[in-house]
Amino acid sequence: MTWTGAFTMPPIIIGCDLSRAFLDLCVDAGPTTSQIRNTPAAVGKWADTIDPSTLVVFEATSGCDGAVMAALDTRRIAYARVNPR
């Protein structure tokens, strides 16, 4: 299938480095980062602050991404689960 439409980059991209305990977050490759606990409650609270047009990008890791995917899916926020290589 060939893509014939226009592609528009989202206005905000959040990079997310995952671990079982924490998420390290960086917005648009900015100079500052933040960290939240990797729990459903903490991730849900963070996801509530995300603009719906944002794209969240994180690595596909062994089971560390469940809370993130659930929170983003529930809020219909786009994400890309990418190969860490």
PDB file of N, CA and C in Angstrom:
ATOM      1  N   MET A   1       0.838  -1.165   0.000  1.00  0.00           N
ATOM      2  CA  MET A   1       0.000   0.000   0.000  1.00  0.00           C
ATOM      3  C   MET A   1       0.892   1.241   0.000  1.00  0.00           C
ATOM      4  N   THR A   2       0.564   2.226  -0.781  1.00  0.00           N
ATOM      5  CA  THR A   2       1.333   3.451  -0.881  1.00  0.00           C
ATOM      6  C   THR A   2       0.601   4.581  -0.174  1.00  0.00           C
ATOM      7  N   TRP A   3       1.326   5.291   0.636  1.00  0.00           N
ATOM      8  CA  TRP A   3       0.755   6.432   1.339  1.00  0.00           C
ATOM      9  C   TRP A   3       0.716   7.611   0.396  1.00  0.00           C
ATOM     10  N   THR A   4      -0.460   8.209   0.225  1.00  0.00           N
ATOM     11  CA  THR A   4      -0.599   9.343  -0.688  1.00  0.00           C
ATOM     12  C   THR A   4      -0.983  10.622   0.033  1.00  0.00           C
ATOM     13  N   GLY A   5      -1.246  10.540   1.320  1.00  0.00           N
ATOM     14  CA  GLY A   5      -1.645  11.721   2.082  1.00  0.00           C
ATOM     15  C   GLY A   5      -0.447  12.488   2.605  1.00  0.00           C
ATOM     16  N   ALA A   6      -0.718  13.629   3.159  1.00  0.00           N
ATOM     17  CA  ALA A   6       0.329  14.454   3.757  1.00  0.00           C
ATOM     18  C   ALA A   6       0.603  13.960   5.173  1.00  0.00           C
ATOM     19  N   PHE A   7       1.836  14.072   5.600  1.00  0.00           N
ATOM     20  CA  PHE A   7       2.191  13.717   6.961  1.00  0.00           C
ATOM     21  C   PHE A   7       2.532  14.987   7.710  1.00  0.00           C
ATOM     22  N   THR A   8       1.903  15.169   8.840  1.00  0.00           N
ATOM     23  CA  THR A   8       2.160  16.337   9.661  1.00  0.00           C
ATOM     24  C   THR A   8       2.715  15.875  11.001  1.00  0.00           C
ATOM     25  N   MET A   9       3.835  16.435  11.397  1.00  0.00           N
ATOM     26  CA  MET A   9       4.419  16.098  12.683  1.00  0.00           C
ATOM     27  C   MET A   9       3.540  16.648  13.799  1.00  0.00           C
ATOM     28  N   PRO A  10       3.413  15.907  14.895  1.00  0.00           N
ATOM     29  CA  PRO A  10       2.650  16.429  16.023  1.00  0.00           C
ATOM     30  C   PRO A  10       3.368  17.640  16.607  1.00  0.00           C
ATOM     31  N   PRO A  11       2.628  18.571  17.197  1.00  0.00           N
ATOM     32  CA  PRO A  11       3.260  19.772  17.742  1.00  0.00           C
ATOM     33  C   PRO A  11       4.183  19.493  18.927  1.00  0.00           C
ATOM     34  N   ILE A  12       3.933  18.406  19.646  1.00  0.00           N
ATOM     35  CA  ILE A  12       4.744  18.080  20.816  1.00  0.00           C
ATOM     36  C   ILE A  12       5.094  16.591  20.762  1.00  0.00           C
ATOM     37  N   ILE A  13       6.359  16.291  21.026  1.00  0.00           N
ATOM     38  CA  ILE A  13       6.796  14.901  21.127  1.00  0.00           C
ATOM     39  C   ILE A  13       7.438  14.713  22.496  1.00  0.00           C
ATOM     40  N   ILE A  14       7.006  13.689  23.207  1.00  0.00           N
ATOM     41  CA  ILE A  14       7.573  13.370  24.515  1.00  0.00           C
ATOM     42  C   ILE A  14       8.336  12.061  24.390  1.00  0.00           C
ATOM     43  N   GLY A  15       9.618  12.104  24.727  1.00  0.00           N
ATOM     44  CA  GLY A  15      10.428  10.898  24.778  1.00  0.00           C
ATOM     45  C   GLY A  15      10.362  10.328  26.176  1.00  0.00           C
ATOM     46  N   CYS A  16      10.253   9.029  26.271  1.00  0.00           N
ATOM     47  CA  CYS A  16      10.062   8.380  27.565  1.00  0.00           C
ATOM     48  C   CYS A  16      11.022   7.189  27.676  1.00  0.00           C
ATOM     49  N   ASP A  17      11.898   7.233  28.659  1.00  0.00           N
ATOM     50  CA  ASP A  17      12.796   6.110  28.936  1.00  0.00           C
ATOM     51  C   ASP A  17      12.179   5.328  30.092  1.00  0.00           C
ATOM     52  N   LEU A  18      11.943   4.055  29.888  1.00  0.00           N
ATOM     53  CA  LEU A  18      11.209   3.243  30.855  1.00  0.00           C
ATOM     54  C   LEU A  18      12.114   2.380  31.704  1.00  0.00           C
ATOM     55  N   SER A  19      11.713   2.210  32.948  1.00  0.00           N
ATOM     56  CA  SER A  19      12.276   1.173  33.814  1.00  0.00           C
ATOM     57  C   SER A  19      11.121   0.650  34.655  1.00  0.00           C
ATOM     58  N   ARG A  20      11.348  -0.411  35.372  1.00  0.00           N
ATOM     59  CA  ARG A  20      10.257  -0.950  36.193  1.00  0.00           C
ATOM     60  C   ARG A  20       9.834   0.035  37.275  1.00  0.00           C
ATOM     61  N   ALA A  21      10.731   0.861  37.753  1.00  0.00           N
ATOM     62  CA  ALA A  21      10.424   1.780  38.851  1.00  0.00           C
ATOM     63  C   ALA A  21      10.013   3.180  38.393  1.00  0.00           C
ATOM     64  N   PHE A  22      10.620   3.679  37.314  1.00  0.00           N
ATOM     65  CA  PHE A  22      10.419   5.080  36.928  1.00  0.00           C
ATOM     66  C   PHE A  22      10.268   5.254  35.422  1.00  0.00           C
ATOM     67  N   LEU A  23       9.718   6.404  35.044  1.00  0.00           N
ATOM     68  CA  LEU A  23       9.722   6.884  33.665  1.00  0.00           C
ATOM     69  C   LEU A  23      10.508   8.182  33.666  1.00  0.00           C
ATOM     70  N   ASP A  24      11.510   8.279  32.804  1.00  0.00           N
ATOM     71  CA  ASP A  24      12.235   9.528  32.601  1.00  0.00           C
ATOM     72  C   ASP A  24      11.645  10.167  31.354  1.00  0.00           C
ATOM     73  N   LEU A  25      11.224  11.420  31.466  1.00  0.00           N
ATOM     74  CA  LEU A  25      10.488  12.100  30.407  1.00  0.00           C
ATOM     75  C   LEU A  25      11.238  13.314  29.905  1.00  0.00           C
ATOM     76  N   CYS A  26      11.194  13.518  28.594  1.00  0.00           N
ATOM     77  CA  CYS A  26      11.814  14.689  27.973  1.00  0.00           C
ATOM     78  C   CYS A  26      10.860  15.196  26.891  1.00  0.00           C
ATOM     79  N   VAL A  27      10.497  16.461  26.959  1.00  0.00           N
ATOM     80  CA  VAL A  27       9.574  17.048  25.990  1.00  0.00           C
ATOM     81  C   VAL A  27      10.364  17.738  24.892  1.00  0.00           C
ATOM     82  N   ASP A  28      10.122  17.324  23.654  1.00  0.00           N
ATOM     83  CA  ASP A  28      10.736  17.935  22.471  1.00  0.00           C
ATOM     84  C   ASP A  28      12.246  18.097  22.580  1.00  0.00           C
ATOM     85  N   ALA A  29      12.914  17.090  23.112  1.00  0.00           N
ATOM     86  CA  ALA A  29      14.377  17.099  23.253  1.00  0.00           C
ATOM     87  C   ALA A  29      14.873  18.360  23.950  1.00  0.00           C
ATOM     88  N   GLY A  30      14.081  18.840  24.873  1.00  0.00           N
ATOM     89  CA  GLY A  30      14.438  20.053  25.621  1.00  0.00           C
ATOM     90  C   GLY A  30      15.562  19.802  26.605  1.00  0.00           C
ATOM     91  N   PRO A  31      16.033  20.852  27.225  1.00  0.00           N
ATOM     92  CA  PRO A  31      17.176  20.733  28.130  1.00  0.00           C
ATOM     93  C   PRO A  31      16.817  20.124  29.485  1.00  0.00           C
ATOM     94  N   THR A  32      15.535  20.050  29.813  1.00  0.00           N
ATOM     95  CA  THR A  32      15.171  19.520  31.124  1.00  0.00           C
ATOM     96  C   THR A  32      14.399  18.215  30.972  1.00  0.00           C
ATOM     97  N   THR A  33      14.530  17.395  31.981  1.00  0.00           N
ATOM     98  CA  THR A  33      13.810  16.133  32.023  1.00  0.00           C
ATOM     99  C   THR A  33      13.045  16.063  33.336  1.00  0.00           C
ATOM    100  N   SER A  34      12.120  15.142  33.401  1.00  0.00           N
ATOM    101  CA  SER A  34      11.409  14.900  34.651  1.00  0.00           C
ATOM    102  C   SER A  34      11.306  13.403  34.846  1.00  0.00           C
ATOM    103  N   GLN A  35      10.939  13.013  36.037  1.00  0.00           N
ATOM    104  CA  GLN A  35      10.846  11.598  36.349  1.00  0.00           C
ATOM    105  C   GLN A  35       9.574  11.361  37.162  1.00  0.00           C
ATOM    106  N   ILE A  36       8.846  10.293  36.809  1.00  0.00           N
ATOM    107  CA  ILE A  36       7.682   9.892  37.584  1.00  0.00           C
ATOM    108  C   ILE A  36       7.791   8.406  37.885  1.00  0.00           C
ATOM    109  N   ARG A  37       7.060   7.981  38.896  1.00  0.00           N
ATOM    110  CA  ARG A  37       7.049   6.555  39.225  1.00  0.00           C
ATOM    111  C   ARG A  37       6.283   5.796  38.151  1.00  0.00           C
ATOM    112  N   ASN A  38       6.691   4.584  37.871  1.00  0.00           N
ATOM    113  CA  ASN A  38       6.028   3.751  36.880  1.00  0.00           C
ATOM    114  C   ASN A  38       4.938   2.922  37.571  1.00  0.00           C
ATOM    115  N   THR A  39       3.897   3.620  38.008  1.00  0.00           N
ATOM    116  CA  THR A  39       2.723   2.992  38.601  1.00  0.00           C
ATOM    117  C   THR A  39       1.504   3.468  37.829  1.00  0.00           C
ATOM    118  N   PRO A  40       0.428   2.686  37.795  1.00  0.00           N
ATOM    119  CA  PRO A  40      -0.766   3.137  37.079  1.00  0.00           C
ATOM    120  C   PRO A  40      -1.274   4.496  37.562  1.00  0.00           C
ATOM    121  N   ALA A  41      -1.253   4.737  38.858  1.00  0.00           N
ATOM    122  CA  ALA A  41      -1.756   6.008  39.384  1.00  0.00           C
ATOM    123  C   ALA A  41      -0.884   7.184  38.937  1.00  0.00           C
ATOM    124  N   ALA A  42       0.429   7.056  39.069  1.00  0.00           N
ATOM    125  CA  ALA A  42       1.330   8.152  38.696  1.00  0.00           C
ATOM    126  C   ALA A  42       1.322   8.402  37.195  1.00  0.00           C
ATOM    127  N   VAL A  43       1.326   7.332  36.417  1.00  0.00           N
ATOM    128  CA  VAL A  43       1.315   7.474  34.962  1.00  0.00           C
ATOM    129  C   VAL A  43      -0.013   8.063  34.499  1.00  0.00           C
ATOM    130  N   GLY A  44      -1.114   7.650  35.110  1.00  0.00           N
ATOM    131  CA  GLY A  44      -2.420   8.214  34.771  1.00  0.00           C
ATOM    132  C   GLY A  44      -2.504   9.690  35.082  1.00  0.00           C
ATOM    133  N   LYS A  45      -1.978  10.093  36.225  1.00  0.00           N
ATOM    134  CA  LYS A  45      -1.971  11.515  36.595  1.00  0.00           C
ATOM    135  C   LYS A  45      -1.157  12.321  35.588  1.00  0.00           C
ATOM    136  N   TRP A  46      -0.001  11.786  35.186  1.00  0.00           N
ATOM    137  CA  TRP A  46       0.824  12.456  34.177  1.00  0.00           C
ATOM    138  C   TRP A  46       0.095  12.523  32.841  1.00  0.00           C
ATOM    139  N   ALA A  47      -0.516  11.413  32.425  1.00  0.00           N
ATOM    140  CA  ALA A  47      -1.211  11.368  31.133  1.00  0.00           C
ATOM    141  C   ALA A  47      -2.362  12.369  31.076  1.00  0.00           C
ATOM    142  N   ASP A  48      -2.968  12.654  32.220  1.00  0.00           N
ATOM    143  CA  ASP A  48      -4.052  13.649  32.260  1.00  0.00           C
ATOM    144  C   ASP A  48      -3.568  15.046  31.885  1.00  0.00           C
ATOM    145  N   THR A  49      -2.263  15.283  31.971  1.00  0.00           N
ATOM    146  CA  THR A  49      -1.712  16.616  31.664  1.00  0.00           C
ATOM    147  C   THR A  49      -1.260  16.754  30.212  1.00  0.00           C
ATOM    148  N   ILE A  50      -1.310  15.673  29.441  1.00  0.00           N
ATOM    149  CA  ILE A  50      -0.784  15.676  28.072  1.00  0.00           C
ATOM    150  C   ILE A  50      -1.828  16.197  27.094  1.00  0.00           C
ATOM    151  N   ASP A  51      -1.410  17.107  26.242  1.00  0.00           N
ATOM    152  CA  ASP A  51      -2.280  17.593  25.167  1.00  0.00           C
ATOM    153  C   ASP A  51      -2.589  16.422  24.233  1.00  0.00           C
ATOM    154  N   PRO A  52      -3.844  16.261  23.804  1.00  0.00           N
ATOM    155  CA  PRO A  52      -4.213  15.122  22.963  1.00  0.00           C
ATOM    156  C   PRO A  52      -3.493  15.042  21.618  1.00  0.00           C
ATOM    157  N   SER A  53      -2.914  16.131  21.150  1.00  0.00           N
ATOM    158  CA  SER A  53      -2.201  16.102  19.865  1.00  0.00           C
ATOM    159  C   SER A  53      -0.732  15.698  20.019  1.00  0.00           C
ATOM    160  N   THR A  54      -0.324  15.365  21.217  1.00  0.00           N
ATOM    161  CA  THR A  54       1.052  14.972  21.516  1.00  0.00           C
ATOM    162  C   THR A  54       1.326  13.542  21.056  1.00  0.00           C
ATOM    163  N   LEU A  55       2.570  13.277  20.690  1.00  0.00           N
ATOM    164  CA  LEU A  55       3.036  11.924  20.408  1.00  0.00           C
ATOM    165  C   LEU A  55       4.029  11.534  21.500  1.00  0.00           C
ATOM    166  N   VAL A  56       3.799  10.405  22.135  1.00  0.00           N
ATOM    167  CA  VAL A  56       4.715   9.885  23.154  1.00  0.00           C
ATOM    168  C   VAL A  56       5.485   8.731  22.527  1.00  0.00           C
ATOM    169  N   VAL A  57       6.811   8.765  22.647  1.00  0.00           N
ATOM    170  CA  VAL A  57       7.671   7.747  22.046  1.00  0.00           C
ATOM    171  C   VAL A  57       8.441   7.059  23.172  1.00  0.00           C
ATOM    172  N   PHE A  58       8.403   5.726  23.160  1.00  0.00           N
ATOM    173  CA  PHE A  58       9.141   4.974  24.166  1.00  0.00           C
ATOM    174  C   PHE A  58       9.603   3.659  23.579  1.00  0.00           C
ATOM    175  N   GLU A  59      10.575   3.055  24.251  1.00  0.00           N
ATOM    176  CA  GLU A  59      11.139   1.806  23.774  1.00  0.00           C
ATOM    177  C   GLU A  59      10.233   0.632  24.144  1.00  0.00           C
ATOM    178  N   ALA A  60      10.237  -0.363  23.304  1.00  0.00           N
ATOM    179  CA  ALA A  60       9.494  -1.594  23.576  1.00  0.00           C
ATOM    180  C   ALA A  60      10.363  -2.457  24.487  1.00  0.00           C
ATOM    181  N   THR A  61      10.041  -2.460  25.767  1.00  0.00           N
ATOM    182  CA  THR A  61      10.841  -3.198  26.742  1.00  0.00           C
ATOM    183  C   THR A  61       9.996  -4.281  27.398  1.00  0.00           C
ATOM    184  N   SER A  62      10.657  -5.145  28.073  1.00  0.00           N
ATOM    185  CA  SER A  62      10.000  -6.335  28.622  1.00  0.00           C
ATOM    186  C   SER A  62       9.070  -6.024  29.793  1.00  0.00           C
ATOM    187  N   GLY A  63       7.867  -5.632  29.475  1.00  0.00           N
ATOM    188  CA  GLY A  63       6.843  -5.469  30.500  1.00  0.00           C
ATOM    189  C   GLY A  63       6.845  -4.176  31.279  1.00  0.00           C
ATOM    190  N   CYS A  64       7.739  -3.265  30.971  1.00  0.00           N
ATOM    191  CA  CYS A  64       7.791  -1.989  31.694  1.00  0.00           C
ATOM    192  C   CYS A  64       6.810  -0.961  31.147  1.00  0.00           C
ATOM    193  N   ASP A  65       6.179  -1.268  30.025  1.00  0.00           N
ATOM    194  CA  ASP A  65       5.374  -0.259  29.346  1.00  0.00           C
ATOM    195  C   ASP A  65       3.867  -0.431  29.507  1.00  0.00           C
ATOM    196  N   GLY A  66       3.436  -1.362  30.314  1.00  0.00           N
ATOM    197  CA  GLY A  66       2.007  -1.636  30.465  1.00  0.00           C
ATOM    198  C   GLY A  66       1.204  -0.466  30.986  1.00  0.00           C
ATOM    199  N   ALA A  67       1.680   0.185  32.041  1.00  0.00           N
ATOM    200  CA  ALA A  67       0.950   1.322  32.615  1.00  0.00           C
ATOM    201  C   ALA A  67       0.904   2.486  31.631  1.00  0.00           C
ATOM    202  N   VAL A  68       1.993   2.686  30.905  1.00  0.00           N
ATOM    203  CA  VAL A  68       2.048   3.783  29.929  1.00  0.00           C
ATOM    204  C   VAL A  68       1.047   3.549  28.801  1.00  0.00           C
ATOM    205  N   MET A  69       1.069   2.358  28.218  1.00  0.00           N
ATOM    206  CA  MET A  69       0.153   2.070  27.110  1.00  0.00           C
ATOM    207  C   MET A  69      -1.301   2.145  27.565  1.00  0.00           C
ATOM    208  N   ALA A  70      -1.608   1.620  28.737  1.00  0.00           N
ATOM    209  CA  ALA A  70      -2.982   1.662  29.239  1.00  0.00           C
ATOM    210  C   ALA A  70      -3.458   3.099  29.442  1.00  0.00           C
ATOM    211  N   ALA A  71      -2.612   3.927  30.056  1.00  0.00           N
ATOM    212  CA  ALA A  71      -2.996   5.320  30.312  1.00  0.00           C
ATOM    213  C   ALA A  71      -3.178   6.094  29.013  1.00  0.00           C
ATOM    214  N   LEU A  72      -2.271   5.896  28.057  1.00  0.00           N
ATOM    215  CA  LEU A  72      -2.361   6.620  26.786  1.00  0.00           C
ATOM    216  C   LEU A  72      -3.537   6.117  25.954  1.00  0.00           C
ATOM    217  N   ASP A  73      -3.760   4.808  25.936  1.00  0.00           N
ATOM    218  CA  ASP A  73      -4.908   4.259  25.211  1.00  0.00           C
ATOM    219  C   ASP A  73      -6.217   4.809  25.762  1.00  0.00           C
ATOM    220  N   THR A  74      -6.354   4.821  27.071  1.00  0.00           N
ATOM    221  CA  THR A  74      -7.576   5.313  27.710  1.00  0.00           C
ATOM    222  C   THR A  74      -7.868   6.757  27.334  1.00  0.00           C
ATOM    223  N   ARG A  75      -6.809   7.556  27.202  1.00  0.00           N
ATOM    224  CA  ARG A  75      -6.959   8.988  26.907  1.00  0.00           C
ATOM    225  C   ARG A  75      -6.856   9.304  25.417  1.00  0.00           C
ATOM    226  N   ARG A  76      -6.688   8.256  24.605  1.00  0.00           N
ATOM    227  CA  ARG A  76      -6.561   8.397  23.148  1.00  0.00           C
ATOM    228  C   ARG A  76      -5.416   9.323  22.747  1.00  0.00           C
ATOM    229  N   ILE A  77      -4.289   9.132  23.413  1.00  0.00           N
ATOM    230  CA  ILE A  77      -3.072   9.874  23.102  1.00  0.00           C
ATOM    231  C   ILE A  77      -2.185   8.961  22.256  1.00  0.00           C
ATOM    232  N   ALA A  78      -1.710   9.476  21.146  1.00  0.00           N
ATOM    233  CA  ALA A  78      -0.889   8.684  20.227  1.00  0.00           C
ATOM    234  C   ALA A  78       0.462   8.356  20.853  1.00  0.00           C
ATOM    235  N   TYR A  79       0.917   7.135  20.565  1.00  0.00           N
ATOM    236  CA  TYR A  79       2.251   6.754  21.019  1.00  0.00           C
ATOM    237  C   TYR A  79       2.900   5.853  19.991  1.00  0.00           C
ATOM    238  N   ALA A  80       4.237   5.835  20.053  1.00  0.00           N
ATOM    239  CA  ALA A  80       5.030   4.957  19.210  1.00  0.00           C
ATOM    240  C   ALA A  80       5.898   4.107  20.123  1.00  0.00           C
ATOM    241  N   ARG A  81       5.710   2.812  20.047  1.00  0.00           N
ATOM    242  CA  ARG A  81       6.488   1.843  20.832  1.00  0.00           C
ATOM    243  C   ARG A  81       7.560   1.328  19.870  1.00  0.00           C
ATOM    244  N   VAL A  82       8.790   1.808  20.050  1.00  0.00           N
ATOM    245  CA  VAL A  82       9.844   1.564  19.063  1.00  0.00           C
ATOM    246  C   VAL A  82      10.868   0.554  19.568  1.00  0.00           C
ATOM    247  N   ASN A  83      11.513  -0.098  18.618  1.00  0.00           N
ATOM    248  CA  ASN A  83      12.575  -1.041  18.915  1.00  0.00           C
ATOM    249  C   ASN A  83      13.755  -0.275  19.527  1.00  0.00           C
ATOM    250  N   PRO A  84      14.249  -0.695  20.687  1.00  0.00           N
ATOM    251  CA  PRO A  84      15.339   0.051  21.328  1.00  0.00           C
ATOM    252  C   PRO A  84      16.659   0.003  20.572  1.00  0.00           C
ATOM    253  N   ARG A  85      16.759  -0.851  19.569  1.00  0.00           N
ATOM    254  CA  ARG A  85      18.003  -0.904  18.793  1.00  0.00           C
ATOM    255  C   ARG A  85      18.072   0.249  17.852  1.00  0.00           C
TER     256      ARG A  85
END
